[in-house]
């Protein structure tokens, strides 16, 4: 059995969120956002986890199905919570001046929430054994933690585009982006829930959904950077 100190486990649990936040920050090649504002949005993403958990808990009082909670309720509540942070604290900031900024701020808020969520999952595993905690850290660092940024990057890109559209077009594009992010989050959770029952679910998750999310995000980033290059 691996014996690892709780503080080391905490650092390892927080590490993936910080790393992926740095990764998305570095993708903004032309006009990087102020680091202080990125940290602020990240920390607000951590804080919004608490009202999100409270709201999910309220729904849980009336919905017995874990499948419904995980596939429908959680994606809607979590994505809206992250969206609210960006819409309220970054969207109207003077630094939000490029479509790419929507992706960067969305990823920052998402990874704040994902980091606290990761700590909770990892320490729940640590209670069973340090080895299980290490395994949880590795799996979630590859899939679940960046997954939050990928879902939110969809509506972040929409929000970034909307910032520079005429007012009449903004609501529609943002709503479509937010709904798509929620749907992708729900599909992600559904495949994880189904993996123990449907043998092909994990293959679809690993070989189709996860690469597809990265391809979509990379396409959106390229599109956003292309807009900046043409200015």
C-alpha atoms as a PDB file:
ATOM      1  CA  UNK A   1       0.000   0.000   0.000  1.00  0.00           C
ATOM      2  CA  UNK A   2       1.274   3.452  -0.912  1.00  0.00           C
ATOM      3  CA  UNK A   3       1.564   5.771   2.083  1.00  0.00           C
ATOM      4  CA  UNK A   4       1.136   9.398   1.049  1.00  0.00           C
ATOM      5  CA  UNK A   5       0.696  12.409   3.319  1.00  0.00           C
ATOM      6  CA  UNK A   6      -2.680  14.218   3.069  1.00  0.00           C
ATOM      7  CA  UNK A   7      -0.958  17.499   2.138  1.00  0.00           C
ATOM      8  CA  UNK A   8       0.753  15.779  -0.775  1.00  0.00           C
ATOM      9  CA  UNK A   9      -2.589  14.330  -1.861  1.00  0.00           C
ATOM     10  CA  UNK A  10      -4.131  17.813  -1.638  1.00  0.00           C
ATOM     11  CA  UNK A  11      -1.380  19.302  -3.810  1.00  0.00           C
ATOM     12  CA  UNK A  12      -1.746  16.498  -6.354  1.00  0.00           C
ATOM     13  CA  UNK A  13      -5.525  16.911  -6.393  1.00  0.00           C
ATOM     14  CA  UNK A  14      -5.223  20.651  -7.073  1.00  0.00           C
ATOM     15  CA  UNK A  15      -2.431  20.235  -9.598  1.00  0.00           C
ATOM     16  CA  UNK A  16      -4.508  19.190 -12.651  1.00  0.00           C
ATOM     17  CA  UNK A  17      -6.833  22.201 -12.384  1.00  0.00           C
ATOM     18  CA  UNK A  18      -3.898  24.607 -12.152  1.00  0.00           C
ATOM     19  CA  UNK A  19      -2.077  22.899 -15.015  1.00  0.00           C
ATOM     20  CA  UNK A  20      -5.063  22.957 -17.383  1.00  0.00           C
ATOM     21  CA  UNK A  21      -5.845  26.571 -16.474  1.00  0.00           C
ATOM     22  CA  UNK A  22      -2.265  27.429 -17.427  1.00  0.00           C
ATOM     23  CA  UNK A  23      -2.635  25.429 -20.654  1.00  0.00           C
ATOM     24  CA  UNK A  24      -5.713  27.343 -21.814  1.00  0.00           C
ATOM     25  CA  UNK A  25      -4.180  30.636 -20.720  1.00  0.00           C
ATOM     26  CA  UNK A  26      -1.131  29.914 -22.878  1.00  0.00           C
ATOM     27  CA  UNK A  27      -3.305  29.176 -25.912  1.00  0.00           C
ATOM     28  CA  UNK A  28      -4.178  32.895 -26.067  1.00  0.00           C
ATOM     29  CA  UNK A  29      -1.132  33.791 -28.145  1.00  0.00           C
ATOM     30  CA  UNK A  30      -1.771  37.368 -29.229  1.00  0.00           C
ATOM     31  CA  UNK A  31      -3.056  39.266 -26.203  1.00  0.00           C
ATOM     32  CA  UNK A  32      -2.945  37.204 -22.983  1.00  0.00           C
ATOM     33  CA  UNK A  33      -5.350  38.215 -20.236  1.00  0.00           C
ATOM     34  CA  UNK A  34      -4.138  39.740 -16.945  1.00  0.00           C
ATOM     35  CA  UNK A  35      -2.993  36.912 -14.701  1.00  0.00           C
ATOM     36  CA  UNK A  36      -4.739  38.513 -11.713  1.00  0.00           C
ATOM     37  CA  UNK A  37      -8.095  38.410 -13.493  1.00  0.00           C
ATOM     38  CA  UNK A  38      -7.582  34.785 -14.518  1.00  0.00           C
ATOM     39  CA  UNK A  39      -6.835  33.879 -10.893  1.00  0.00           C
ATOM     40  CA  UNK A  40      -9.912  35.812  -9.751  1.00  0.00           C
ATOM     41  CA  UNK A  41     -12.195  33.945 -12.173  1.00  0.00           C
ATOM     42  CA  UNK A  42     -10.580  30.633 -11.178  1.00  0.00           C
ATOM     43  CA  UNK A  43     -11.214  31.331  -7.478  1.00  0.00           C
ATOM     44  CA  UNK A  44     -14.784  32.434  -8.205  1.00  0.00           C
ATOM     45  CA  UNK A  45     -15.188  29.115  -9.989  1.00  0.00           C
ATOM     46  CA  UNK A  46     -14.108  27.443  -6.750  1.00  0.00           C
ATOM     47  CA  UNK A  47     -16.586  29.506  -4.725  1.00  0.00           C
ATOM     48  CA  UNK A  48     -19.528  28.935  -7.071  1.00  0.00           C
ATOM     49  CA  UNK A  49     -19.154  25.217  -6.348  1.00  0.00           C
ATOM     50  CA  UNK A  50     -20.903  25.770  -3.020  1.00  0.00           C
ATOM     51  CA  UNK A  51     -24.193  27.233  -4.326  1.00  0.00           C
ATOM     52  CA  UNK A  52     -24.057  24.718  -7.188  1.00  0.00           C
ATOM     53  CA  UNK A  53     -23.778  21.852  -4.691  1.00  0.00           C
ATOM     54  CA  UNK A  54     -26.591  23.352  -2.605  1.00  0.00           C
ATOM     55  CA  UNK A  55     -28.922  23.586  -5.615  1.00  0.00           C
ATOM     56  CA  UNK A  56     -28.057  20.062  -6.719  1.00  0.00           C
ATOM     57  CA  UNK A  57     -28.762  18.909  -3.174  1.00  0.00           C
ATOM     58  CA  UNK A  58     -32.215  20.512  -3.304  1.00  0.00           C
ATOM     59  CA  UNK A  59     -33.001  18.700  -6.539  1.00  0.00           C
ATOM     60  CA  UNK A  60     -31.708  15.516  -4.942  1.00  0.00           C
ATOM     61  CA  UNK A  61     -34.439  15.753  -2.298  1.00  0.00           C
ATOM     62  CA  UNK A  62     -37.052  15.260  -5.022  1.00  0.00           C
ATOM     63  CA  UNK A  63     -35.189  13.169  -7.605  1.00  0.00           C
ATOM     64  CA  UNK A  64     -34.189   9.699  -6.449  1.00  0.00           C
ATOM     65  CA  UNK A  65     -32.495   8.641  -9.693  1.00  0.00           C
ATOM     66  CA  UNK A  66     -28.726   9.120  -9.638  1.00  0.00           C
ATOM     67  CA  UNK A  67     -28.776   8.811 -13.415  1.00  0.00           C
ATOM     68  CA  UNK A  68     -31.131  11.773 -13.795  1.00  0.00           C
ATOM     69  CA  UNK A  69     -29.118  13.769 -11.282  1.00  0.00           C
ATOM     70  CA  UNK A  70     -25.820  13.030 -12.996  1.00  0.00           C
ATOM     71  CA  UNK A  71     -26.907  13.277 -16.613  1.00  0.00           C
ATOM     72  CA  UNK A  72     -29.467  16.097 -16.492  1.00  0.00           C
ATOM     73  CA  UNK A  73     -29.418  18.089 -13.250  1.00  0.00           C
ATOM     74  CA  UNK A  74     -25.659  18.299 -12.628  1.00  0.00           C
ATOM     75  CA  UNK A  75     -24.697  19.399 -16.166  1.00  0.00           C
ATOM     76  CA  UNK A  76     -27.362  22.118 -16.221  1.00  0.00           C
ATOM     77  CA  UNK A  77     -26.621  23.487 -12.758  1.00  0.00           C
ATOM     78  CA  UNK A  78     -22.830  23.269 -13.026  1.00  0.00           C
ATOM     79  CA  UNK A  79     -22.561  24.779 -16.489  1.00  0.00           C
ATOM     80  CA  UNK A  80     -24.902  27.614 -15.570  1.00  0.00           C
ATOM     81  CA  UNK A  81     -22.932  28.269 -12.371  1.00  0.00           C
ATOM     82  CA  UNK A  82     -19.686  28.563 -14.325  1.00  0.00           C
ATOM     83  CA  UNK A  83     -21.397  30.643 -17.006  1.00  0.00           C
ATOM     84  CA  UNK A  84     -22.759  33.037 -14.372  1.00  0.00           C
ATOM     85  CA  UNK A  85     -19.254  33.654 -13.015  1.00  0.00           C
ATOM     86  CA  UNK A  86     -17.883  34.584 -16.436  1.00  0.00           C
ATOM     87  CA  UNK A  87     -20.950  36.575 -17.476  1.00  0.00           C
ATOM     88  CA  UNK A  88     -21.016  38.512 -14.207  1.00  0.00           C
ATOM     89  CA  UNK A  89     -17.320  39.111 -13.517  1.00  0.00           C
ATOM     90  CA  UNK A  90     -15.474  38.952 -16.852  1.00  0.00           C
ATOM     91  CA  UNK A  91     -17.805  39.628 -19.774  1.00  0.00           C
ATOM     92  CA  UNK A  92     -18.144  43.382 -19.209  1.00  0.00           C
ATOM     93  CA  UNK A  93     -14.536  43.860 -18.133  1.00  0.00           C
ATOM     94  CA  UNK A  94     -12.481  46.029 -20.502  1.00  0.00           C
ATOM     95  CA  UNK A  95      -9.981  43.177 -20.755  1.00  0.00           C
ATOM     96  CA  UNK A  96     -12.634  41.020 -22.452  1.00  0.00           C
ATOM     97  CA  UNK A  97     -11.818  42.332 -25.913  1.00  0.00           C
ATOM     98  CA  UNK A  98     -11.373  39.241 -28.115  1.00  0.00           C
ATOM     99  CA  UNK A  99     -13.415  36.082 -28.860  1.00  0.00           C
ATOM    100  CA  UNK A 100     -10.558  33.980 -27.431  1.00  0.00           C
ATOM    101  CA  UNK A 101     -11.125  35.637 -24.067  1.00  0.00           C
ATOM    102  CA  UNK A 102     -14.459  33.853 -23.730  1.00  0.00           C
ATOM    103  CA  UNK A 103     -12.720  30.478 -23.955  1.00  0.00           C
ATOM    104  CA  UNK A 104      -9.951  31.462 -21.531  1.00  0.00           C
ATOM    105  CA  UNK A 105     -12.304  32.832 -18.870  1.00  0.00           C
ATOM    106  CA  UNK A 106     -14.759  29.949 -19.278  1.00  0.00           C
ATOM    107  CA  UNK A 107     -11.929  27.452 -18.826  1.00  0.00           C
ATOM    108  CA  UNK A 108     -10.664  29.325 -15.757  1.00  0.00           C
ATOM    109  CA  UNK A 109     -14.067  29.297 -14.036  1.00  0.00           C
ATOM    110  CA  UNK A 110     -14.632  25.676 -15.027  1.00  0.00           C
ATOM    111  CA  UNK A 111     -11.276  24.562 -13.693  1.00  0.00           C
ATOM    112  CA  UNK A 112     -11.888  26.361 -10.415  1.00  0.00           C
ATOM    113  CA  UNK A 113     -15.047  24.322  -9.924  1.00  0.00           C
ATOM    114  CA  UNK A 114     -13.323  21.175 -11.197  1.00  0.00           C
ATOM    115  CA  UNK A 115     -10.438  21.649  -8.749  1.00  0.00           C
ATOM    116  CA  UNK A 116     -12.647  21.693  -5.669  1.00  0.00           C
ATOM    117  CA  UNK A 117     -14.690  18.814  -7.052  1.00  0.00           C
ATOM    118  CA  UNK A 118     -11.451  16.921  -7.656  1.00  0.00           C
ATOM    119  CA  UNK A 119     -10.283  17.454  -4.078  1.00  0.00           C
ATOM    120  CA  UNK A 120     -13.575  16.047  -2.775  1.00  0.00           C
ATOM    121  CA  UNK A 121     -13.418  12.964  -5.010  1.00  0.00           C
ATOM    122  CA  UNK A 122      -9.752  12.334  -4.263  1.00  0.00           C
ATOM    123  CA  UNK A 123     -10.130  12.559  -0.486  1.00  0.00           C
ATOM    124  CA  UNK A 124     -13.215  10.344  -0.614  1.00  0.00           C
ATOM    125  CA  UNK A 125     -10.956   7.790  -2.308  1.00  0.00           C
ATOM    126  CA  UNK A 126      -8.149   8.503   0.180  1.00  0.00           C
ATOM    127  CA  UNK A 127     -10.388   7.377   3.033  1.00  0.00           C
ATOM    128  CA  UNK A 128     -10.397   3.933   1.418  1.00  0.00           C
ATOM    129  CA  UNK A 129      -6.694   3.883   0.547  1.00  0.00           C
ATOM    130  CA  UNK A 130      -3.919   6.239  -0.601  1.00  0.00           C
ATOM    131  CA  UNK A 131      -3.404   4.019  -3.658  1.00  0.00           C
ATOM    132  CA  UNK A 132      -7.007   4.540  -4.727  1.00  0.00           C
ATOM    133  CA  UNK A 133      -6.561   8.286  -4.246  1.00  0.00           C
ATOM    134  CA  UNK A 134      -3.506   8.291  -6.539  1.00  0.00           C
ATOM    135  CA  UNK A 135      -5.417   6.326  -9.167  1.00  0.00           C
ATOM    136  CA  UNK A 136      -8.334   8.763  -8.901  1.00  0.00           C
ATOM    137  CA  UNK A 137      -5.981  11.709  -9.363  1.00  0.00           C
ATOM    138  CA  UNK A 138      -4.478  10.213 -12.526  1.00  0.00           C
ATOM    139  CA  UNK A 139      -7.789   9.287 -14.175  1.00  0.00           C
ATOM    140  CA  UNK A 140      -9.512  12.555 -13.314  1.00  0.00           C
ATOM    141  CA  UNK A 141      -6.481  14.617 -14.376  1.00  0.00           C
ATOM    142  CA  UNK A 142      -6.763  13.125 -17.866  1.00  0.00           C
ATOM    143  CA  UNK A 143     -10.538  13.104 -18.287  1.00  0.00           C
ATOM    144  CA  UNK A 144     -12.821  14.789 -15.746  1.00  0.00           C
ATOM    145  CA  UNK A 145     -10.827  17.910 -14.856  1.00  0.00           C
ATOM    146  CA  UNK A 146     -10.051  19.021 -18.433  1.00  0.00           C
ATOM    147  CA  UNK A 147     -13.553  17.828 -19.382  1.00  0.00           C
ATOM    148  CA  UNK A 148     -15.033  20.700 -17.380  1.00  0.00           C
ATOM    149  CA  UNK A 149     -12.953  23.182 -19.368  1.00  0.00           C
ATOM    150  CA  UNK A 150     -13.943  21.551 -22.666  1.00  0.00           C
ATOM    151  CA  UNK A 151     -17.694  21.713 -21.911  1.00  0.00           C
ATOM    152  CA  UNK A 152     -17.449  25.305 -20.776  1.00  0.00           C
ATOM    153  CA  UNK A 153     -15.195  26.248 -23.667  1.00  0.00           C
ATOM    154  CA  UNK A 154     -18.179  25.670 -25.957  1.00  0.00           C
ATOM    155  CA  UNK A 155     -20.297  28.403 -24.374  1.00  0.00           C
ATOM    156  CA  UNK A 156     -17.160  30.458 -23.694  1.00  0.00           C
ATOM    157  CA  UNK A 157     -16.493  30.584 -27.432  1.00  0.00           C
ATOM    158  CA  UNK A 158     -20.125  31.549 -28.038  1.00  0.00           C
ATOM    159  CA  UNK A 159     -19.874  34.272 -25.397  1.00  0.00           C
ATOM    160  CA  UNK A 160     -16.648  35.535 -26.952  1.00  0.00           C
ATOM    161  CA  UNK A 161     -18.237  35.739 -30.404  1.00  0.00           C
ATOM    162  CA  UNK A 162     -21.395  37.355 -29.039  1.00  0.00           C
ATOM    163  CA  UNK A 163     -19.356  40.126 -27.448  1.00  0.00           C
ATOM    164  CA  UNK A 164     -18.624  41.467 -30.914  1.00  0.00           C
ATOM    165  CA  UNK A 165     -21.994  40.897 -32.590  1.00  0.00           C
ATOM    166  CA  UNK A 166     -24.950  43.215 -32.885  1.00  0.00           C
ATOM    167  CA  UNK A 167     -27.196  43.081 -29.823  1.00  0.00           C
ATOM    168  CA  UNK A 168     -30.022  41.255 -31.618  1.00  0.00           C
ATOM    169  CA  UNK A 169     -27.814  38.233 -32.367  1.00  0.00           C
ATOM    170  CA  UNK A 170     -26.098  37.859 -29.006  1.00  0.00           C
ATOM    171  CA  UNK A 171     -28.781  36.086 -27.004  1.00  0.00           C
ATOM    172  CA  UNK A 172     -29.303  33.340 -29.569  1.00  0.00           C
ATOM    173  CA  UNK A 173     -25.652  32.412 -30.017  1.00  0.00           C
ATOM    174  CA  UNK A 174     -24.966  32.444 -26.271  1.00  0.00           C
ATOM    175  CA  UNK A 175     -28.036  30.318 -25.522  1.00  0.00           C
ATOM    176  CA  UNK A 176     -27.080  27.761 -28.178  1.00  0.00           C
ATOM    177  CA  UNK A 177     -23.537  27.582 -26.841  1.00  0.00           C
ATOM    178  CA  UNK A 178     -24.704  27.162 -23.253  1.00  0.00           C
ATOM    179  CA  UNK A 179     -27.186  24.426 -24.155  1.00  0.00           C
ATOM    180  CA  UNK A 180     -24.563  22.583 -26.233  1.00  0.00           C
ATOM    181  CA  UNK A 181     -22.091  22.737 -23.342  1.00  0.00           C
ATOM    182  CA  UNK A 182     -24.746  21.279 -21.016  1.00  0.00           C
ATOM    183  CA  UNK A 183     -25.612  18.520 -23.497  1.00  0.00           C
ATOM    184  CA  UNK A 184     -21.972  17.517 -23.972  1.00  0.00           C
ATOM    185  CA  UNK A 185     -21.505  17.490 -20.198  1.00  0.00           C
ATOM    186  CA  UNK A 186     -24.574  15.253 -19.905  1.00  0.00           C
ATOM    187  CA  UNK A 187     -23.320  12.837 -22.571  1.00  0.00           C
ATOM    188  CA  UNK A 188     -19.928  12.699 -20.824  1.00  0.00           C
ATOM    189  CA  UNK A 189     -21.603  11.766 -17.535  1.00  0.00           C
ATOM    190  CA  UNK A 190     -23.978   9.311 -19.226  1.00  0.00           C
ATOM    191  CA  UNK A 191     -21.122   7.354 -20.754  1.00  0.00           C
ATOM    192  CA  UNK A 192     -19.356   7.199 -17.393  1.00  0.00           C
ATOM    193  CA  UNK A 193     -22.555   6.019 -15.691  1.00  0.00           C
ATOM    194  CA  UNK A 194     -23.102   3.419 -18.413  1.00  0.00           C
ATOM    195  CA  UNK A 195     -19.557   2.054 -18.440  1.00  0.00           C
ATOM    196  CA  UNK A 196     -20.318  -0.570 -15.783  1.00  0.00           C
ATOM    197  CA  UNK A 197     -23.373  -1.814 -17.682  1.00  0.00           C
ATOM    198  CA  UNK A 198     -22.667  -1.246 -21.370  1.00  0.00           C
ATOM    199  CA  UNK A 199     -19.299  -2.581 -22.457  1.00  0.00           C
ATOM    200  CA  UNK A 200     -18.931  -0.199 -25.383  1.00  0.00           C
ATOM    201  CA  UNK A 201     -19.711   2.935 -23.362  1.00  0.00           C
ATOM    202  CA  UNK A 202     -16.127   3.340 -22.143  1.00  0.00           C
ATOM    203  CA  UNK A 203     -14.762   2.774 -25.640  1.00  0.00           C
ATOM    204  CA  UNK A 204     -17.072   5.487 -27.000  1.00  0.00           C
ATOM    205  CA  UNK A 205     -16.030   7.731 -24.113  1.00  0.00           C
ATOM    206  CA  UNK A 206     -12.297   7.268 -24.710  1.00  0.00           C
ATOM    207  CA  UNK A 207     -12.172   6.906 -28.499  1.00  0.00           C
ATOM    208  CA  UNK A 208     -15.018   9.165 -29.658  1.00  0.00           C
ATOM    209  CA  UNK A 209     -16.294  11.705 -27.126  1.00  0.00           C
ATOM    210  CA  UNK A 210     -13.035  12.794 -25.502  1.00  0.00           C
ATOM    211  CA  UNK A 211     -11.110  13.270 -28.779  1.00  0.00           C
ATOM    212  CA  UNK A 212     -14.202  14.935 -30.263  1.00  0.00           C
ATOM    213  CA  UNK A 213     -14.316  17.464 -27.432  1.00  0.00           C
ATOM    214  CA  UNK A 214     -10.633  18.306 -27.915  1.00  0.00           C
ATOM    215  CA  UNK A 215     -11.090  18.641 -31.682  1.00  0.00           C
ATOM    216  CA  UNK A 216     -14.085  20.949 -31.194  1.00  0.00           C
ATOM    217  CA  UNK A 217     -12.197  23.060 -28.658  1.00  0.00           C
ATOM    218  CA  UNK A 218      -9.120  23.276 -30.850  1.00  0.00           C
ATOM    219  CA  UNK A 219     -11.279  24.336 -33.800  1.00  0.00           C
ATOM    220  CA  UNK A 220     -12.921  27.044 -31.702  1.00  0.00           C
ATOM    221  CA  UNK A 221      -9.559  28.275 -30.443  1.00  0.00           C
ATOM    222  CA  UNK A 222      -8.190  28.434 -33.992  1.00  0.00           C
ATOM    223  CA  UNK A 223     -11.270  30.312 -35.127  1.00  0.00           C
ATOM    224  CA  UNK A 224     -10.998  32.784 -32.249  1.00  0.00           C
ATOM    225  CA  UNK A 225      -7.282  33.336 -32.840  1.00  0.00           C
ATOM    226  CA  UNK A 226      -7.960  33.748 -36.563  1.00  0.00           C
ATOM    227  CA  UNK A 227     -10.363  36.590 -35.761  1.00  0.00           C
ATOM    228  CA  UNK A 228      -7.665  38.279 -33.678  1.00  0.00           C
ATOM    229  CA  UNK A 229      -5.068  37.797 -36.421  1.00  0.00           C
ATOM    230  CA  UNK A 230      -7.303  39.512 -38.976  1.00  0.00           C
ATOM    231  CA  UNK A 231      -7.946  42.627 -36.891  1.00  0.00           C
END
